[in-house]
């Protein structure tokens, strides 16, 4: 239910490390065009963890 009405989750999964950053917005829009209302993401720790207890989530330029 969403706002008291039946709601169906239609999800797409995006693996952001496998998609060039310049295409992220395009991929999200493509998912919307296909009728998706949810995006599922995994956190790829190997892309964010620089070392033991060193996690980086800032944007790289």
N, C-alpha and C. Protein backbone atom coordinates (compact mmCIF):
# COMPACT_ATOMS: atom_id res chain seq x y z
N UNK A 1 0.84 -1.17 0.00
CA UNK A 1 0.00 0.00 0.00
C UNK A 1 0.89 1.24 0.00
N UNK A 2 0.45 2.26 -0.72
CA UNK A 2 1.11 3.55 -0.74
C UNK A 2 0.02 4.61 -0.72
N UNK A 3 0.03 5.43 0.29
CA UNK A 3 -1.03 6.43 0.46
C UNK A 3 -2.41 5.79 0.46
N UNK A 4 -2.49 4.60 1.07
CA UNK A 4 -3.77 3.91 1.19
C UNK A 4 -4.24 3.20 -0.06
N UNK A 5 -3.40 3.15 -1.10
CA UNK A 5 -3.77 2.50 -2.36
C UNK A 5 -2.81 1.36 -2.64
N UNK A 6 -3.30 0.32 -3.33
CA UNK A 6 -2.39 -0.77 -3.69
C UNK A 6 -1.22 -0.24 -4.53
N UNK A 7 -0.05 -0.77 -4.26
CA UNK A 7 1.15 -0.31 -4.95
C UNK A 7 2.00 -1.52 -5.31
N UNK A 8 2.44 -1.59 -6.54
CA UNK A 8 3.30 -2.67 -7.00
C UNK A 8 4.69 -2.10 -7.23
N UNK A 9 5.68 -2.71 -6.61
CA UNK A 9 7.06 -2.30 -6.83
C UNK A 9 7.53 -2.93 -8.13
N UNK A 10 7.97 -2.08 -9.04
CA UNK A 10 8.56 -2.52 -10.31
C UNK A 10 10.00 -2.03 -10.29
N UNK A 11 10.91 -2.96 -10.06
CA UNK A 11 12.30 -2.58 -9.79
C UNK A 11 13.24 -2.95 -10.93
N UNK A 12 14.21 -2.08 -11.10
CA UNK A 12 15.33 -2.35 -12.00
C UNK A 12 16.59 -2.32 -11.14
N UNK A 13 17.59 -3.04 -11.58
CA UNK A 13 18.84 -3.08 -10.83
C UNK A 13 19.93 -2.46 -11.68
N UNK A 14 20.65 -1.51 -11.11
CA UNK A 14 21.75 -0.86 -11.80
C UNK A 14 23.04 -1.11 -11.02
N UNK A 15 24.07 -1.53 -11.72
CA UNK A 15 25.38 -1.73 -11.12
C UNK A 15 26.22 -0.52 -11.51
N UNK A 16 26.19 0.51 -10.67
CA UNK A 16 26.80 1.79 -11.03
C UNK A 16 28.29 1.72 -11.36
N UNK A 17 29.09 0.83 -10.75
CA UNK A 17 30.51 0.81 -11.14
C UNK A 17 30.71 0.30 -12.57
N UNK A 18 29.70 -0.36 -13.11
CA UNK A 18 29.83 -0.92 -14.45
C UNK A 18 29.26 0.01 -15.52
N UNK A 19 28.74 1.15 -15.10
CA UNK A 19 28.16 2.13 -16.02
C UNK A 19 28.97 3.42 -15.90
N UNK A 20 29.48 3.94 -17.01
CA UNK A 20 30.20 5.22 -16.91
C UNK A 20 29.31 6.28 -16.27
N UNK A 21 29.88 7.09 -15.41
CA UNK A 21 29.13 8.11 -14.66
C UNK A 21 28.29 9.00 -15.58
N UNK A 22 28.81 9.32 -16.75
CA UNK A 22 28.07 10.19 -17.68
C UNK A 22 26.76 9.56 -18.15
N UNK A 23 26.60 8.24 -18.02
CA UNK A 23 25.40 7.55 -18.47
C UNK A 23 24.40 7.24 -17.35
N UNK A 24 24.75 7.54 -16.10
CA UNK A 24 23.87 7.20 -14.98
C UNK A 24 22.48 7.79 -15.15
N UNK A 25 22.39 9.07 -15.40
CA UNK A 25 21.08 9.73 -15.53
C UNK A 25 20.29 9.12 -16.67
N UNK A 26 20.96 8.84 -17.77
CA UNK A 26 20.29 8.21 -18.91
C UNK A 26 19.71 6.85 -18.54
N UNK A 27 20.48 6.05 -17.81
CA UNK A 27 20.00 4.71 -17.42
C UNK A 27 18.79 4.81 -16.49
N UNK A 28 18.82 5.78 -15.58
CA UNK A 28 17.67 5.96 -14.68
C UNK A 28 16.43 6.35 -15.50
N UNK A 29 16.60 7.25 -16.45
CA UNK A 29 15.48 7.67 -17.29
C UNK A 29 14.96 6.51 -18.15
N UNK A 30 15.86 5.66 -18.62
CA UNK A 30 15.43 4.48 -19.37
C UNK A 30 14.60 3.55 -18.50
N UNK A 31 15.01 3.38 -17.26
CA UNK A 31 14.24 2.55 -16.33
C UNK A 31 12.84 3.13 -16.12
N UNK A 32 12.76 4.45 -15.94
CA UNK A 32 11.45 5.10 -15.80
C UNK A 32 10.60 4.88 -17.04
N UNK A 33 11.21 5.00 -18.22
CA UNK A 33 10.48 4.82 -19.47
C UNK A 33 9.93 3.40 -19.60
N UNK A 34 10.60 2.45 -18.96
CA UNK A 34 10.13 1.06 -18.98
C UNK A 34 9.08 0.78 -17.91
N UNK A 35 8.74 1.81 -17.13
CA UNK A 35 7.71 1.65 -16.11
C UNK A 35 8.23 1.30 -14.73
N UNK A 36 9.54 1.35 -14.54
CA UNK A 36 10.10 1.04 -13.23
C UNK A 36 9.86 2.20 -12.27
N UNK A 37 9.59 1.87 -11.01
CA UNK A 37 9.40 2.92 -10.00
C UNK A 37 10.38 2.76 -8.84
N UNK A 38 11.31 1.84 -8.98
CA UNK A 38 12.30 1.57 -7.94
C UNK A 38 13.62 1.19 -8.61
N UNK A 39 14.73 1.69 -8.05
CA UNK A 39 16.06 1.30 -8.51
C UNK A 39 16.74 0.57 -7.36
N UNK A 40 17.23 -0.63 -7.62
CA UNK A 40 17.98 -1.40 -6.62
C UNK A 40 19.47 -1.21 -6.91
N UNK A 41 20.23 -0.96 -5.86
CA UNK A 41 21.67 -0.78 -5.99
C UNK A 41 22.39 -1.65 -4.97
N UNK A 42 23.49 -2.23 -5.39
CA UNK A 42 24.41 -2.87 -4.46
C UNK A 42 25.46 -1.84 -4.11
N UNK A 43 26.02 -1.93 -2.93
CA UNK A 43 27.19 -1.13 -2.58
C UNK A 43 28.40 -1.99 -2.91
N UNK A 44 29.20 -1.55 -3.85
CA UNK A 44 30.40 -2.27 -4.24
C UNK A 44 31.54 -1.83 -3.34
N UNK A 45 31.73 -2.57 -2.26
CA UNK A 45 32.72 -2.15 -1.27
C UNK A 45 34.11 -2.06 -1.87
N UNK A 46 34.43 -2.92 -2.83
CA UNK A 46 35.77 -2.86 -3.42
C UNK A 46 36.00 -1.55 -4.16
N UNK A 47 34.93 -0.84 -4.51
CA UNK A 47 35.08 0.46 -5.18
C UNK A 47 35.18 1.60 -4.17
N UNK A 48 34.82 1.34 -2.91
CA UNK A 48 34.77 2.40 -1.91
C UNK A 48 35.76 2.22 -0.77
N UNK A 49 36.22 1.00 -0.54
CA UNK A 49 37.08 0.74 0.60
C UNK A 49 38.54 0.79 0.15
N UNK A 50 39.24 1.83 0.59
CA UNK A 50 40.63 2.00 0.19
C UNK A 50 41.57 1.14 1.01
N UNK A 51 41.15 0.78 2.19
CA UNK A 51 41.96 -0.05 3.07
C UNK A 51 41.14 -0.34 4.31
N UNK A 52 41.74 -1.04 5.25
CA UNK A 52 41.03 -1.37 6.48
C UNK A 52 40.54 -0.09 7.16
N UNK A 53 39.23 -0.01 7.38
CA UNK A 53 38.60 1.13 8.04
C UNK A 53 38.78 2.45 7.29
N UNK A 54 39.04 2.38 6.00
CA UNK A 54 39.17 3.58 5.16
C UNK A 54 38.16 3.48 4.03
N UNK A 55 37.02 4.14 4.23
CA UNK A 55 35.94 4.06 3.25
C UNK A 55 35.80 5.42 2.57
N UNK A 56 35.64 5.42 1.25
CA UNK A 56 35.54 6.64 0.46
C UNK A 56 34.24 6.62 -0.33
N UNK A 57 33.37 7.59 -0.07
CA UNK A 57 32.12 7.70 -0.82
C UNK A 57 32.03 9.02 -1.59
N UNK A 58 33.05 9.85 -1.53
CA UNK A 58 32.99 11.13 -2.23
C UNK A 58 33.10 10.90 -3.73
N UNK A 59 32.65 11.89 -4.47
CA UNK A 59 32.70 11.80 -5.93
C UNK A 59 34.11 12.06 -6.41
N UNK A 60 34.53 11.27 -7.36
CA UNK A 60 35.81 11.50 -8.01
C UNK A 60 35.56 12.32 -9.26
N UNK A 61 36.42 13.25 -9.51
CA UNK A 61 36.28 14.10 -10.71
C UNK A 61 37.08 13.53 -11.86
